[in-house]
C-alpha cells in the first residue's frame, strides 16, 4: 500500500512538472515581450541578449504613440470589439434559445448548418464577402470591418447547450400562463439565468473582435481605420523593425484582453464545466 501511494505521488509530481513546463513555454514569449518593451534600443540589440533590462524605460511607449496614431488604433479596436461582443451575445442568446426550446420544421437541419459554418475557415469565404461589400460600397468603412464578427456559430452552440441543460421548460410555461410574451420571457427569465454562459460567449467574442488582423488588412485602406493589430505594422519595415516600439504596442494591445479574461475567467470555467458534462 505504501509503495502504491509512493508511485501515485511520483506520478502526480511528474504530471505537475510537465504542466509547469508547458505553462512556462506558453508564458515565456509574453514575458519576453513585456520586458523588451521596457528596454532601450541599445539593450535590445546587444548579444547575447539579457532577459531583464538593466535600466527600465518607458520611452518605447511614448515613441509608439508619437510614431503612429495609436490612440486612434486603440479606439478603433475598442469599438470593433465592444460592438462585436454585444452583437454576438445578443444573437447567440436569441438563436440558442430558439434552437433549444422551440419546435419548428427544419430545426435540426438549420442548427446543423450553423454548426457547419463553425468549421469553415474565414479565409475560405473572405474573398466572396469582400466582393459583396464592394458591391454595396462598404470597403474602407467601420461597418465593413465589423460585419463578419457580428455573429458566432460557437456562441449559438454554447448558448443552445446551456439553455437545453440548465433552464427548465416549465419556467417558460409558467411565464406564458401568467400572460408573458416570448421577448419578456427571454429578457426576464432566460437571460438572467444565463449569466455564466453569456460571459463565456462575451469573452470569446471580445478576444476575437480585438485580435482580428487579416480582414482589416484587406478591407481598410485608411490608416485611421486601423485597429491595434494592424497598427503594429507601422513599426515593421521592408528589411527591419523597430523592436522596442513594436513590443510596447503589443503590450498595449494585449492588456485589454488579459483584463477581460482575468475579470471573467471564473464564469467561463464554470460554464465550460456545466455545458461540457451535459450533452
Protein backbone atom coordinates (compact mmCIF):
# COMPACT_ATOMS: atom_id res chain seq x y z
CA UNK A 1 0.00 0.00 0.00
CA UNK A 2 2.79 2.42 0.89
CA UNK A 3 4.52 1.58 -2.38
CA UNK A 4 1.35 2.33 -4.33
CA UNK A 5 0.98 5.69 -2.58
CA UNK A 6 4.60 6.49 -3.37
CA UNK A 7 4.13 5.63 -7.04
CA UNK A 8 0.93 7.68 -7.13
CA UNK A 9 2.76 10.64 -5.58
CA UNK A 10 5.58 10.35 -8.11
CA UNK A 11 3.03 10.25 -10.93
CA UNK A 12 1.30 13.39 -9.62
CA UNK A 13 4.64 15.21 -9.32
CA UNK A 14 5.57 14.16 -12.86
CA UNK A 15 2.23 15.45 -14.19
CA UNK A 16 2.67 18.75 -12.35
CA UNK A 17 6.22 19.10 -13.68
CA UNK A 18 5.05 18.55 -17.25
CA UNK A 19 2.19 21.03 -16.81
CA UNK A 20 4.51 23.63 -15.30
CA UNK A 21 6.95 23.16 -18.18
CA UNK A 22 4.12 23.63 -20.67
CA UNK A 23 2.91 26.74 -18.84
CA UNK A 24 6.46 28.14 -18.87
CA UNK A 25 6.74 27.56 -22.62
CA UNK A 26 3.46 29.42 -23.20
CA UNK A 27 4.21 32.29 -20.81
CA UNK A 28 7.82 32.95 -21.87
CA UNK A 29 7.02 34.74 -25.18
CA UNK A 30 4.62 37.10 -23.42
CA UNK A 31 7.09 37.71 -20.61
CA UNK A 32 9.84 38.44 -23.15
CA UNK A 33 7.52 40.84 -24.99
CA UNK A 34 6.74 42.65 -21.74
CA UNK A 35 10.33 43.13 -20.55
CA UNK A 36 11.55 44.04 -24.06
CA UNK A 37 9.02 46.86 -24.18
CA UNK A 38 10.91 48.47 -21.27
CA UNK A 39 14.40 48.10 -22.80
CA UNK A 40 16.35 50.78 -24.61
CA UNK A 41 17.34 50.25 -28.24
CA UNK A 42 20.93 49.53 -27.18
CA UNK A 43 19.87 46.78 -24.77
CA UNK A 44 17.58 45.19 -27.35
CA UNK A 45 20.46 44.95 -29.82
CA UNK A 46 23.12 43.53 -27.50
CA UNK A 47 24.35 39.93 -27.86
CA UNK A 48 23.96 37.67 -26.01
CA UNK A 49 20.53 39.02 -25.07
CA UNK A 50 19.55 39.63 -21.46
CA UNK A 51 16.10 38.94 -20.09
CA UNK A 52 15.63 41.82 -17.65
CA UNK A 53 16.64 45.33 -18.72
CA UNK A 54 19.49 46.92 -16.80
CA UNK A 55 17.63 50.24 -16.86
CA UNK A 56 13.86 50.22 -17.21
CA UNK A 57 12.49 52.87 -19.56
CA UNK A 58 9.07 53.82 -20.94
CA UNK A 59 10.46 55.65 -23.96
CA UNK A 60 9.17 52.94 -26.29
CA UNK A 61 5.58 53.54 -25.18
CA UNK A 62 5.81 57.27 -25.77
CA UNK A 63 7.56 56.64 -29.07
CA UNK A 64 4.84 54.25 -30.22
CA UNK A 65 2.13 56.87 -29.73
CA UNK A 66 4.28 59.54 -31.38
CA UNK A 67 5.19 57.45 -34.42
CA UNK A 68 1.66 56.31 -35.23
CA UNK A 69 -1.87 57.38 -34.13
CA UNK A 70 -2.02 54.60 -31.58
CA UNK A 71 -4.78 56.30 -29.60
CA UNK A 72 -6.95 56.05 -32.72
CA UNK A 73 -5.97 52.41 -33.23
CA UNK A 74 -6.94 51.68 -29.62
CA UNK A 75 -10.33 53.39 -30.01
CA UNK A 76 -10.98 51.50 -33.26
CA UNK A 77 -10.15 48.18 -31.60
CA UNK A 78 -12.39 49.02 -28.64
CA UNK A 79 -15.31 49.97 -30.90
CA UNK A 80 -14.92 46.84 -33.04
CA UNK A 81 -14.56 44.53 -30.03
CA UNK A 82 -17.42 46.04 -27.99
CA UNK A 83 -19.91 46.18 -30.87
CA UNK A 84 -18.93 42.67 -31.92
CA UNK A 85 -19.27 41.37 -28.35
CA UNK A 86 -22.68 42.95 -27.81
CA UNK A 87 -23.99 41.61 -31.11
CA UNK A 88 -22.61 38.10 -30.58
CA UNK A 89 -24.04 37.88 -27.05
CA UNK A 90 -27.47 39.05 -28.20
CA UNK A 91 -27.69 36.88 -31.31
CA UNK A 92 -26.27 33.85 -29.50
CA UNK A 93 -28.82 34.22 -26.70
CA UNK A 94 -31.74 34.53 -29.10
CA UNK A 95 -30.66 31.82 -31.54
CA UNK A 96 -29.52 29.45 -28.78
CA UNK A 97 -32.89 29.78 -27.04
CA UNK A 98 -34.82 29.22 -30.26
CA UNK A 99 -32.86 26.07 -31.11
CA UNK A 100 -33.12 24.77 -27.53
CA UNK A 101 -36.74 25.42 -26.61
CA UNK A 102 -38.83 25.95 -29.76
CA UNK A 103 -40.06 23.31 -32.18
CA UNK A 104 -40.31 24.21 -35.88
CA UNK A 105 -39.82 22.38 -39.19
CA UNK A 106 -36.17 22.04 -40.22
CA UNK A 107 -34.78 22.96 -36.79
CA UNK A 108 -32.20 20.16 -36.82
CA UNK A 109 -31.08 20.90 -40.37
CA UNK A 110 -30.77 24.62 -39.69
CA UNK A 111 -28.80 24.02 -36.48
CA UNK A 112 -26.53 21.63 -38.39
CA UNK A 113 -25.87 24.33 -40.98
CA UNK A 114 -24.98 26.79 -38.22
CA UNK A 115 -22.53 24.29 -36.74
CA UNK A 116 -21.09 23.60 -40.19
CA UNK A 117 -20.16 27.28 -40.56
CA UNK A 118 -18.04 26.97 -37.41
CA UNK A 119 -15.65 24.54 -39.10
CA UNK A 120 -15.30 26.57 -42.31
CA UNK A 121 -12.23 28.85 -42.02
CA UNK A 122 -12.89 32.53 -42.55
CA UNK A 123 -10.23 32.62 -45.28
CA UNK A 124 -12.41 30.27 -47.37
CA UNK A 125 -15.16 32.86 -47.86
CA UNK A 126 -13.22 36.05 -47.23
CA UNK A 127 -12.83 36.96 -50.92
CA UNK A 128 -16.52 36.37 -51.83
CA UNK A 129 -17.51 38.51 -48.84
CA UNK A 130 -15.10 41.22 -49.98
CA UNK A 131 -16.65 41.21 -53.46
CA UNK A 132 -20.12 41.58 -51.95
CA UNK A 133 -19.01 44.53 -49.84
CA UNK A 134 -17.53 46.17 -52.93
CA UNK A 135 -20.99 46.00 -54.48
CA UNK A 136 -22.61 47.87 -51.57
CA UNK A 137 -19.70 50.30 -51.15
CA UNK A 138 -18.71 49.12 -47.65
CA UNK A 139 -14.99 48.92 -48.35
CA UNK A 140 -12.90 51.09 -46.04
CA UNK A 141 -15.78 51.55 -43.56
CA UNK A 142 -16.34 50.59 -39.94
CA UNK A 143 -19.44 48.55 -40.77
CA UNK A 144 -17.47 46.60 -43.36
CA UNK A 145 -14.80 45.73 -40.81
CA UNK A 146 -17.27 44.71 -38.11
CA UNK A 147 -19.77 42.80 -40.29
CA UNK A 148 -18.13 39.30 -40.23
CA UNK A 149 -17.83 39.43 -36.44
CA UNK A 150 -21.44 40.22 -35.54
CA UNK A 151 -22.35 36.53 -35.26
CA UNK A 152 -20.56 33.49 -33.85
CA UNK A 153 -21.64 29.92 -34.57
CA UNK A 154 -19.81 28.64 -31.50
CA UNK A 155 -21.68 31.18 -29.35
CA UNK A 156 -25.02 29.91 -30.66
CA UNK A 157 -23.95 26.32 -29.94
CA UNK A 158 -22.78 27.21 -26.42
CA UNK A 159 -25.99 29.05 -25.56
CA UNK A 160 -28.13 26.27 -27.01
CA UNK A 161 -26.34 23.71 -24.84
CA UNK A 162 -26.71 25.91 -21.76
CA UNK A 163 -30.41 26.66 -22.25
CA UNK A 164 -31.13 22.99 -23.01
CA UNK A 165 -29.41 21.64 -19.92
CA UNK A 166 -29.85 24.39 -17.34
CA UNK A 167 -33.19 26.16 -17.91
CA UNK A 168 -36.37 24.10 -17.34
CA UNK A 169 -39.11 24.49 -19.93
CA UNK A 170 -41.59 24.73 -17.05
CA UNK A 171 -40.28 28.20 -16.19
CA UNK A 172 -41.15 29.42 -19.66
CA UNK A 173 -44.55 27.74 -19.50
CA UNK A 174 -45.24 29.42 -16.16
CA UNK A 175 -44.45 32.79 -17.71
CA UNK A 176 -46.82 32.13 -20.61
CA UNK A 177 -49.58 31.13 -18.20
CA UNK A 178 -49.12 34.48 -16.44
CA UNK A 179 -49.51 36.28 -19.77
CA UNK A 180 -45.85 36.99 -20.52
CA UNK A 181 -44.73 37.30 -24.14
CA UNK A 182 -41.80 35.46 -25.66
CA UNK A 183 -39.50 38.50 -25.59
CA UNK A 184 -40.40 39.13 -21.93
CA UNK A 185 -39.53 35.52 -21.11
CA UNK A 186 -36.24 35.85 -22.96
CA UNK A 187 -35.29 39.07 -21.15
CA UNK A 188 -36.64 38.28 -17.66
CA UNK A 189 -36.27 34.50 -17.36
CA UNK A 190 -33.66 33.10 -19.73
CA UNK A 191 -31.13 35.94 -19.82
CA UNK A 192 -30.76 36.30 -16.00
CA UNK A 193 -30.23 32.53 -15.70
CA UNK A 194 -27.61 32.51 -18.46
CA UNK A 195 -25.06 34.87 -16.92
CA UNK A 196 -22.15 32.43 -16.93
CA UNK A 197 -22.81 31.24 -20.47
CA UNK A 198 -23.18 34.80 -21.76
CA UNK A 199 -19.96 35.78 -20.01
CA UNK A 200 -18.14 32.91 -21.71
CA UNK A 201 -19.54 33.88 -25.11
CA UNK A 202 -18.63 37.51 -24.41
CA UNK A 203 -15.01 36.61 -23.63
CA UNK A 204 -14.64 34.64 -26.85
CA UNK A 205 -16.31 37.41 -28.86
CA UNK A 206 -14.21 40.17 -27.30
CA UNK A 207 -10.93 38.33 -27.88
CA UNK A 208 -11.95 37.57 -31.45
CA UNK A 209 -13.03 41.16 -32.16
CA UNK A 210 -9.95 42.67 -30.52
CA UNK A 211 -7.39 40.44 -32.21
CA UNK A 212 -8.57 40.46 -35.84
CA UNK A 213 -5.88 41.18 -38.41
CA UNK A 214 -6.45 39.65 -41.87
CA UNK A 215 -9.89 41.18 -42.50
CA UNK A 216 -8.98 44.78 -41.53
CA UNK A 217 -5.79 44.39 -43.59
CA UNK A 218 -7.95 43.57 -46.60
CA UNK A 219 -10.84 45.95 -46.03
CA UNK A 220 -9.23 49.09 -44.55
CA UNK A 221 -7.17 51.39 -46.75
CA UNK A 222 -7.22 54.43 -44.45
CA UNK A 223 -4.77 54.26 -41.54
CA UNK A 224 -7.34 55.98 -39.32
CA UNK A 225 -9.49 52.83 -39.60
CA UNK A 226 -6.69 50.50 -38.47
CA UNK A 227 -7.15 48.52 -35.26
CA UNK A 228 -4.34 47.74 -32.82
CA UNK A 229 -3.21 44.53 -34.52
CA UNK A 230 -3.00 46.17 -37.92
CA UNK A 231 -1.49 49.34 -36.48
CA UNK A 232 1.52 47.35 -35.22
CA UNK A 233 2.67 47.05 -38.83
CA UNK A 234 3.67 50.73 -38.60
CA UNK A 235 6.85 49.54 -36.84
CA UNK A 236 7.73 46.87 -39.40
CA UNK A 237 9.69 47.95 -42.42
CA UNK A 238 10.99 46.23 -45.56
CA UNK A 239 14.23 44.97 -44.05
CA UNK A 240 13.98 45.80 -40.35
CA UNK A 241 11.64 46.53 -37.46
CA UNK A 242 11.59 48.90 -34.52
CA UNK A 243 11.52 46.12 -31.92
CA UNK A 244 11.14 48.38 -28.89
CA UNK A 245 8.08 50.24 -30.19
CA UNK A 246 6.66 47.03 -31.64
CA UNK A 247 6.84 45.31 -28.25
CA UNK A 248 5.41 48.36 -26.48
CA UNK A 249 2.49 48.45 -28.90
CA UNK A 250 1.99 44.71 -28.44
CA UNK A 251 1.81 45.14 -24.67
CA UNK A 252 -0.84 47.85 -25.06
CA UNK A 253 -2.74 45.57 -27.42
CA UNK A 254 -2.63 42.50 -25.16
CA UNK A 255 -3.50 44.17 -21.84
CA UNK A 256 -7.27 44.70 -22.52
CA UNK A 257 -7.74 41.04 -23.45
CA UNK A 258 -5.93 39.93 -20.29
CA UNK A 259 -8.05 42.23 -18.14
CA UNK A 260 -11.30 40.92 -19.65
CA UNK A 261 -10.22 37.32 -19.17
CA UNK A 262 -9.00 37.84 -15.59
CA UNK A 263 -12.25 39.56 -14.61
CA UNK A 264 -14.49 36.87 -16.12
CA UNK A 265 -12.32 33.74 -16.01
CA UNK A 266 -14.38 32.12 -13.23
CA UNK A 267 -17.57 32.44 -15.23
CA UNK A 268 -16.09 30.85 -18.33
CA UNK A 269 -14.61 27.94 -16.34
CA UNK A 270 -17.91 27.32 -14.52
CA UNK A 271 -19.87 27.40 -17.76
CA UNK A 272 -17.47 25.01 -19.52
CA UNK A 273 -17.79 22.59 -16.58
CA UNK A 274 -21.58 22.67 -16.76
CA UNK A 275 -22.11 22.52 -20.52
CA UNK A 276 -19.23 20.15 -21.16
CA UNK A 277 -20.62 17.41 -18.92
CA UNK A 278 -24.20 17.51 -20.14
CA UNK A 279 -24.96 16.89 -23.81
